[in-house]
N, C-alpha and C. Protein backbone atom coordinates (compact mmCIF):
# COMPACT_ATOMS: atom_id res chain seq x y z
N VAL A 1 30.00 122.62 146.42
CA VAL A 1 29.43 124.05 147.32
C VAL A 1 30.63 124.71 147.90
N GLU A 2 30.71 125.71 147.15
CA GLU A 2 32.18 127.18 147.20
C GLU A 2 31.38 127.97 148.60
N GLN A 3 32.49 127.79 149.82
CA GLN A 3 32.45 128.85 150.33
C GLN A 3 33.18 129.83 150.16
N LYS A 4 32.21 130.95 150.41
CA LYS A 4 32.79 132.45 150.06
C LYS A 4 33.37 133.19 151.18
N SER A 5 34.66 133.16 151.18
CA SER A 5 35.31 133.79 152.54
C SER A 5 36.46 134.46 152.37
N SER A 6 36.85 135.89 152.70
CA SER A 6 37.84 137.00 152.84
C SER A 6 39.03 136.15 153.09
N GLN A 7 38.79 135.10 154.20
CA GLN A 7 40.05 134.42 154.64
C GLN A 7 40.73 133.38 153.50
N PRO A 8 42.10 133.43 153.47
CA PRO A 8 42.84 132.57 152.32
C PRO A 8 42.28 130.72 152.97
N ARG A 9 42.26 129.87 151.81
CA ARG A 9 42.28 128.50 152.39
C ARG A 9 43.36 128.23 152.98
N ASN A 10 43.31 127.37 153.79
CA ASN A 10 44.63 126.32 154.26
C ASN A 10 44.93 125.17 153.33
N ASP A 11 45.97 124.83 152.73
CA ASP A 11 46.13 123.88 152.34
C ASP A 11 46.31 122.70 153.90
N PRO A 12 45.74 121.47 153.30
CA PRO A 12 45.80 120.43 154.29
C PRO A 12 46.87 119.71 153.94
N MET A 13 48.00 119.67 152.65
CA MET A 13 48.82 118.87 152.55
C MET A 13 50.11 119.58 153.20
N LEU A 14 49.91 120.82 153.63
CA LEU A 14 51.28 121.71 154.19
C LEU A 14 51.64 121.57 155.69
N ILE A 15 53.50 121.09 155.78
CA ILE A 15 53.34 120.24 156.78
C ILE A 15 54.31 121.42 157.30
N ASP A 16 54.07 121.70 158.57
CA ASP A 16 54.53 122.69 159.23
C ASP A 16 55.64 121.83 160.66
N ARG A 17 56.81 122.06 160.64
CA ARG A 17 57.99 120.97 161.12
C ARG A 17 57.38 121.19 163.00
N GLU A 18 57.07 122.85 163.12
CA GLU A 18 56.78 122.98 164.30
C GLU A 18 55.85 122.30 164.80
N ARG A 19 54.72 122.14 164.14
CA ARG A 19 53.58 121.76 164.67
C ARG A 19 53.45 119.98 164.47
N ARG A 20 54.17 119.22 163.92
CA ARG A 20 54.15 118.08 163.22
C ARG A 20 53.74 117.29 164.62
N ASP A 21 53.11 115.91 164.32
CA ASP A 21 53.01 114.65 165.27
C ASP A 21 54.34 114.25 165.57
N LEU A 22 54.85 113.95 166.55
CA LEU A 22 56.13 113.51 166.88
C LEU A 22 56.27 112.01 166.71
N PHE A 23 55.03 111.11 167.27
CA PHE A 23 55.22 110.24 167.56
C PHE A 23 55.00 109.11 166.63
N PRO A 24 55.43 107.88 166.83
CA PRO A 24 55.96 107.08 165.62
C PRO A 24 54.67 106.78 165.12
N LYS A 25 54.67 106.40 163.96
CA LYS A 25 53.15 106.03 163.20
C LYS A 25 53.46 104.48 162.72
N SER A 26 52.25 103.57 162.66
CA SER A 26 52.19 102.18 162.68
C SER A 26 52.24 101.83 161.39
N ASN A 27 52.67 100.83 160.59
CA ASN A 27 52.53 100.41 159.52
C ASN A 27 51.27 99.34 159.40
N LEU A 28 51.13 98.44 158.06
CA LEU A 28 50.44 97.29 158.46
C LEU A 28 50.95 96.06 158.47
N PHE A 29 51.99 96.13 159.34
CA PHE A 29 52.94 94.67 159.23
C PHE A 29 53.44 94.76 160.97
N GLU A 30 52.41 95.39 161.74
CA GLU A 30 52.82 95.15 163.19
C GLU A 30 54.05 96.03 163.76
N GLY A 31 54.74 96.69 163.01
CA GLY A 31 55.62 97.37 162.66
C GLY A 31 55.68 99.19 163.24
N PHE A 32 56.74 99.72 162.74
CA PHE A 32 56.34 101.47 162.30
C PHE A 32 56.69 101.83 161.35
N ILE A 33 55.98 102.89 160.62
CA ILE A 33 57.05 103.67 159.49
C ILE A 33 58.63 103.59 159.62
N GLY A 34 59.26 103.51 158.83
CA GLY A 34 60.72 103.54 158.82
C GLY A 34 61.84 102.53 159.63
N ASP A 35 61.07 101.61 160.17
CA ASP A 35 61.71 100.70 161.04
C ASP A 35 62.80 99.80 160.08
N ASP A 36 62.67 99.45 158.75
CA ASP A 36 63.72 98.81 158.06
C ASP A 36 64.97 99.57 157.87
N TYR A 37 64.89 101.23 158.17
CA TYR A 37 66.06 101.91 157.69
C TYR A 37 67.22 101.86 159.15
N PRO A 38 68.19 102.04 158.87
CA PRO A 38 69.25 102.06 159.82
C PRO A 38 69.71 103.72 160.64
N LEU A 39 69.19 103.61 161.59
CA LEU A 39 69.76 105.16 162.43
C LEU A 39 70.85 105.69 162.08
N CYS A 40 71.18 106.75 162.25
CA CYS A 40 72.50 107.23 161.98
C CYS A 40 73.86 106.82 163.00
N VAL A 41 73.38 106.82 164.09
CA VAL A 41 74.56 106.35 164.78
C VAL A 41 75.16 105.08 164.45
N ASP A 42 74.23 104.33 163.59
CA ASP A 42 74.49 103.15 162.89
C ASP A 42 75.03 103.03 161.34
N LEU A 43 75.28 103.88 161.10
CA LEU A 43 76.14 104.22 159.92
C LEU A 43 77.55 103.77 160.41
N PRO A 44 78.01 103.19 159.23
CA PRO A 44 79.40 102.94 159.38
C PRO A 44 80.37 104.14 159.27
N ASP A 45 81.60 104.15 159.89
CA ASP A 45 82.15 105.67 159.64
C ASP A 45 82.71 106.24 158.38
N LYS A 46 82.66 107.41 158.06
CA LYS A 46 82.46 108.15 156.68
C LYS A 46 81.98 107.21 155.96
N ASP A 47 80.75 106.67 155.63
CA ASP A 47 80.02 106.65 154.57
C ASP A 47 79.71 107.32 153.53
N PHE A 48 79.97 108.58 153.72
CA PHE A 48 79.85 109.07 152.29
C PHE A 48 80.91 108.91 151.51
N LEU A 49 82.08 108.09 152.07
CA LEU A 49 83.23 108.03 151.12
C LEU A 49 83.46 106.55 151.08
N ARG A 50 82.06 105.71 151.09
CA ARG A 50 81.96 104.21 150.67
C ARG A 50 81.11 103.69 149.23
N LYS A 51 81.53 102.80 148.77
CA LYS A 51 80.67 102.15 147.70
C LYS A 51 79.14 102.38 148.09
N GLY A 52 78.72 103.04 147.17
CA GLY A 52 77.19 103.19 146.81
C GLY A 52 76.39 104.84 147.58
N ALA A 53 77.77 105.65 147.80
CA ALA A 53 77.02 107.12 148.04
C ALA A 53 77.07 107.94 146.97
N THR A 54 75.87 108.55 147.38
CA THR A 54 75.44 109.29 145.64
C THR A 54 75.91 110.70 146.12
N TYR A 55 76.23 111.24 144.77
CA TYR A 55 76.41 112.89 145.12
C TYR A 55 75.46 113.25 143.52
N ARG A 56 74.86 114.43 144.10
CA ARG A 56 74.28 114.72 143.27
C ARG A 56 74.80 116.52 142.85
N LEU A 57 74.97 116.77 141.08
CA LEU A 57 75.06 118.08 140.89
C LEU A 57 73.93 118.90 141.54
N LEU A 58 73.81 120.01 142.13
CA LEU A 58 73.14 120.98 142.46
C LEU A 58 73.30 122.45 141.75
N GLY A 59 74.38 122.50 141.37
CA GLY A 59 75.06 124.09 140.61
C GLY A 59 75.18 124.69 141.89
N SER A 60 74.67 125.85 141.83
CA SER A 60 75.31 126.69 142.45
C SER A 60 74.29 127.16 143.59
N ARG A 61 73.34 126.37 144.20
CA ARG A 61 72.49 126.68 145.39
C ARG A 61 73.10 125.11 146.53
N SER A 62 73.62 125.53 147.73
CA SER A 62 73.64 124.16 148.58
C SER A 62 72.65 123.44 148.98
N SER A 63 71.23 123.53 148.89
CA SER A 63 70.21 122.89 149.14
C SER A 63 69.30 122.42 147.90
N PRO A 64 69.16 121.30 148.08
CA PRO A 64 68.44 120.51 146.42
C PRO A 64 66.97 121.56 146.98
N GLU A 65 65.82 121.61 145.74
CA GLU A 65 64.56 122.20 146.21
C GLU A 65 63.67 121.03 146.58
N LEU A 66 62.69 121.83 147.06
CA LEU A 66 61.76 120.78 148.15
C LEU A 66 62.51 120.80 149.37
N GLN A 67 63.75 121.00 149.51
CA GLN A 67 63.73 120.80 151.04
C GLN A 67 64.28 122.05 151.57
N HIS A 68 63.86 122.03 153.02
CA HIS A 68 63.61 122.95 153.77
C HIS A 68 64.48 123.16 154.99
N ASP A 69 65.48 123.72 154.97
CA ASP A 69 66.47 123.51 156.40
C ASP A 69 66.47 125.19 156.87
N GLU A 70 67.31 124.90 157.95
CA GLU A 70 66.88 126.19 159.30
C GLU A 70 67.31 127.17 158.37
N ALA A 71 66.98 128.46 158.68
CA ALA A 71 67.49 129.82 158.34
C ALA A 71 68.67 129.80 158.50
N GLU A 72 69.53 129.55 159.44
CA GLU A 72 70.60 129.50 159.64
C GLU A 72 71.60 129.25 158.75
N TRP A 73 71.32 127.96 158.53
CA TRP A 73 71.78 127.06 157.69
C TRP A 73 72.06 127.88 156.00
N GLU A 74 70.90 128.24 156.07
CA GLU A 74 70.82 128.67 154.30
C GLU A 74 71.82 129.45 154.00
N GLU A 75 71.80 130.97 155.40
CA GLU A 75 72.88 132.31 155.52
C GLU A 75 74.24 131.32 155.81
N ASN A 76 74.47 130.35 156.42
CA ASN A 76 75.75 130.41 156.65
C ASN A 76 76.48 129.55 155.33
N GLY A 77 75.48 129.19 154.51
CA GLY A 77 76.26 128.22 153.11
C GLY A 77 77.00 127.52 154.09
N VAL A 78 76.29 126.31 154.33
CA VAL A 78 77.07 124.85 154.80
C VAL A 78 77.40 124.16 153.93
N ARG A 79 78.53 124.17 153.41
CA ARG A 79 78.99 123.31 152.14
C ARG A 79 80.23 123.51 152.43
N LEU A 80 80.81 121.95 152.07
CA LEU A 80 82.10 122.15 152.69
C LEU A 80 82.99 121.73 151.39
N ASP A 81 84.14 122.78 151.53
CA ASP A 81 85.34 123.06 150.51
C ASP A 81 86.50 122.00 150.10
N LEU A 82 86.12 121.26 148.84
CA LEU A 82 86.84 120.55 148.65
C LEU A 82 88.43 121.21 148.54
N HIS A 83 89.70 120.51 148.82
CA HIS A 83 90.73 120.66 148.30
C HIS A 83 90.98 120.05 146.61
N GLN A 84 91.76 120.51 145.79
CA GLN A 84 91.61 120.01 144.46
C GLN A 84 92.59 118.52 145.09
N SER A 85 93.66 118.69 145.99
CA SER A 85 94.12 117.15 145.88
C SER A 85 93.34 115.87 146.76
N SER A 86 92.10 116.52 146.89
CA SER A 86 91.43 115.59 147.57
C SER A 86 90.39 114.20 146.69
N PRO A 87 90.53 113.00 146.82
CA PRO A 87 90.24 112.28 145.78
C PRO A 87 88.95 112.20 145.59
N LEU A 88 88.11 112.70 146.60
CA LEU A 88 86.69 113.02 146.60
C LEU A 88 86.81 114.15 145.54
N HIS A 89 87.36 115.04 145.71
CA HIS A 89 87.49 116.11 144.61
C HIS A 89 87.61 115.67 143.13
N THR A 90 88.84 114.79 143.04
CA THR A 90 88.98 114.30 141.44
C THR A 90 87.91 113.65 141.31
N LEU A 91 86.96 112.86 141.83
CA LEU A 91 86.01 112.15 141.34
C LEU A 91 84.47 113.04 140.90
N LEU A 92 84.43 114.26 141.63
CA LEU A 92 83.64 114.77 141.67
C LEU A 92 83.46 115.85 140.25
N CYS A 93 84.82 116.14 140.72
CA CYS A 93 85.12 116.98 139.13
C CYS A 93 85.21 116.11 137.90
N ALA A 94 85.59 114.77 137.73
CA ALA A 94 85.45 113.64 136.71
C ALA A 94 86.21 114.85 135.77
N PRO A 95 87.54 115.02 135.46
CA PRO A 95 88.53 115.54 134.46
C PRO A 95 88.25 114.80 133.23
N GLY A 96 87.81 115.41 132.34
CA GLY A 96 88.04 115.26 130.99
C GLY A 96 89.38 115.35 130.47
N VAL A 97 89.23 115.04 128.72
CA VAL A 97 91.07 114.85 127.82
C VAL A 97 91.76 116.35 128.77
N SER A 98 91.19 117.22 128.13
CA SER A 98 91.85 118.86 128.47
C SER A 98 92.55 119.16 129.89
N GLY A 99 91.55 118.29 131.19
CA GLY A 99 91.87 118.42 131.87
C GLY A 99 91.40 119.28 132.88
N VAL A 100 89.87 119.76 131.99
CA VAL A 100 88.99 120.93 132.66
C VAL A 100 87.37 119.63 133.63
N CYS A 101 87.14 120.16 134.20
CA CYS A 101 86.19 119.48 135.53
C CYS A 101 84.84 118.74 134.27
N THR A 102 84.11 117.92 134.08
CA THR A 102 83.17 117.75 133.41
C THR A 102 81.64 117.94 134.28
N PHE A 103 82.02 117.59 135.78
CA PHE A 103 80.85 117.90 136.48
C PHE A 103 79.75 116.78 136.15
N PRO A 104 79.89 115.62 136.62
CA PRO A 104 79.13 115.05 135.80
C PRO A 104 77.84 115.19 137.01
N ALA A 105 76.15 115.17 136.08
CA ALA A 105 74.89 115.35 137.29
C ALA A 105 75.01 114.50 138.00
N LYS A 106 75.38 113.34 138.54
CA LYS A 106 75.01 112.20 139.70
C LYS A 106 76.29 111.23 139.58
N ILE A 107 76.63 111.18 141.00
CA ILE A 107 78.08 110.05 140.84
C ILE A 107 77.76 108.96 141.81
N ILE A 108 77.80 108.07 141.61
CA ILE A 108 77.59 106.82 142.76
C ILE A 108 78.63 106.25 142.99
N LEU A 109 79.30 106.03 143.99
CA LEU A 109 80.65 105.23 144.00
C LEU A 109 80.69 104.27 143.78
N ASP A 110 81.00 103.27 143.48
CA ASP A 110 81.37 102.15 142.73
C ASP A 110 82.26 101.25 143.47
N GLU A 111 83.15 102.06 144.47
CA GLU A 111 84.15 101.53 145.23
C GLU A 111 84.41 102.79 146.35
N ASN A 112 84.76 101.89 147.69
CA ASN A 112 85.36 102.65 148.36
C ASN A 112 86.55 103.73 148.35
N ILE A 113 86.20 104.81 148.78
CA ILE A 113 87.78 106.28 148.35
C ILE A 113 88.70 105.64 149.37
N VAL A 114 89.71 105.38 148.91
CA VAL A 114 90.69 105.10 150.39
C VAL A 114 91.86 106.29 150.47
N TYR A 115 91.75 106.44 151.31
CA TYR A 115 92.62 108.22 151.48
C TYR A 115 94.22 107.66 151.48
N ASP A 116 95.24 108.21 151.55
CA ASP A 116 96.56 107.66 152.06
C ASP A 116 96.98 108.74 153.07
N ASP A 117 98.08 109.14 153.89
CA ASP A 117 98.64 109.64 155.08
C ASP A 117 98.37 111.42 154.55
N SER A 118 98.93 111.29 153.23
CA SER A 118 98.88 112.86 152.88
C SER A 118 97.72 113.15 152.50
N THR A 119 96.21 112.50 151.94
CA THR A 119 95.41 113.02 152.12
C THR A 119 94.16 113.09 153.09
N LYS A 120 94.66 112.90 154.44
CA LYS A 120 93.62 112.47 155.25
C LYS A 120 93.64 113.71 155.92
N THR A 121 94.14 114.50 155.42
CA THR A 121 94.73 116.33 155.86
C THR A 121 93.24 117.14 155.46
N GLY A 122 92.39 116.35 154.81
CA GLY A 122 91.54 117.37 153.90
C GLY A 122 90.05 117.26 154.47
N ALA A 123 89.45 118.26 154.33
CA ALA A 123 88.53 118.73 155.10
C ALA A 123 87.52 117.61 154.91
N GLU A 124 87.12 116.99 154.25
CA GLU A 124 85.99 115.81 154.14
C GLU A 124 86.36 114.51 155.33
N TYR A 125 87.81 114.33 155.39
CA TYR A 125 87.81 113.57 156.26
C TYR A 125 87.83 113.75 157.56
N GLU A 126 88.03 114.97 158.07
CA GLU A 126 87.79 115.71 159.10
C GLU A 126 86.56 115.64 159.89
N VAL A 127 85.49 115.28 158.98
CA VAL A 127 83.61 115.55 159.59
C VAL A 127 83.57 113.86 159.61
N ASP A 128 81.67 114.01 160.33
CA ASP A 128 81.10 112.85 160.42
C ASP A 128 80.49 112.73 159.44
N THR A 129 79.78 113.56 158.86
CA THR A 129 79.06 113.65 157.68
C THR A 129 79.19 114.76 156.73
N ILE A 130 78.42 114.83 155.67
CA ILE A 130 78.57 116.14 154.79
C ILE A 130 77.29 115.88 153.83
N ARG A 131 77.20 116.95 153.93
CA ARG A 131 75.28 117.66 153.40
C ARG A 131 75.72 117.76 151.69
N SER A 132 76.61 118.92 152.16
CA SER A 132 76.55 119.04 150.17
C SER A 132 78.56 119.83 150.28
N VAL A 133 78.65 119.80 149.14
CA VAL A 133 80.12 120.08 148.80
C VAL A 133 80.44 121.35 147.72
N ARG A 134 81.54 121.52 147.88
CA ARG A 134 81.95 122.66 146.62
C ARG A 134 83.27 122.56 146.20
N VAL A 135 82.68 122.00 144.52
CA VAL A 135 84.50 121.61 143.87
C VAL A 135 84.32 122.88 143.05
N HIS A 136 85.62 123.30 143.23
CA HIS A 136 86.44 124.20 142.31
C HIS A 136 87.30 123.49 141.33
N SER A 137 86.65 124.86 140.05
CA SER A 137 87.34 124.24 139.08
C SER A 137 88.78 125.46 138.96
N ASP A 138 89.50 124.83 138.05
CA ASP A 138 90.73 126.19 138.17
C ASP A 138 90.28 126.87 136.66
N SER A 139 89.90 126.23 135.64
CA SER A 139 89.73 126.29 134.56
C SER A 139 88.54 127.14 134.11
């Protein structure tokens, strides 16, 4: 049975962050959904430089598709600019034989990135977390 109305239909799957239920949801095993995930405060320092950290190429956009950020985040372009001397820049650039960046689509760190005293001045070493980074290529 269809109802004819001049008003647009509401999407029942639309989640409005301002109106969502903030209380935890129980799972089927006498716990709560998300209990097995660590809290952000429990993560190790500079976890984005540790083994297993994943970086995906987003192109020119600073936020992934289907991820909705606050409007001021998009306007300010919250991206961390990496200096070319940075070990993280070298890894994400992945220079080819000619020295030109190849920019792999996805990189998973297979070991911790070690910073010596000269590279600890990089922007990524001064922050607690990284949401997105900008990697420049000279070529």
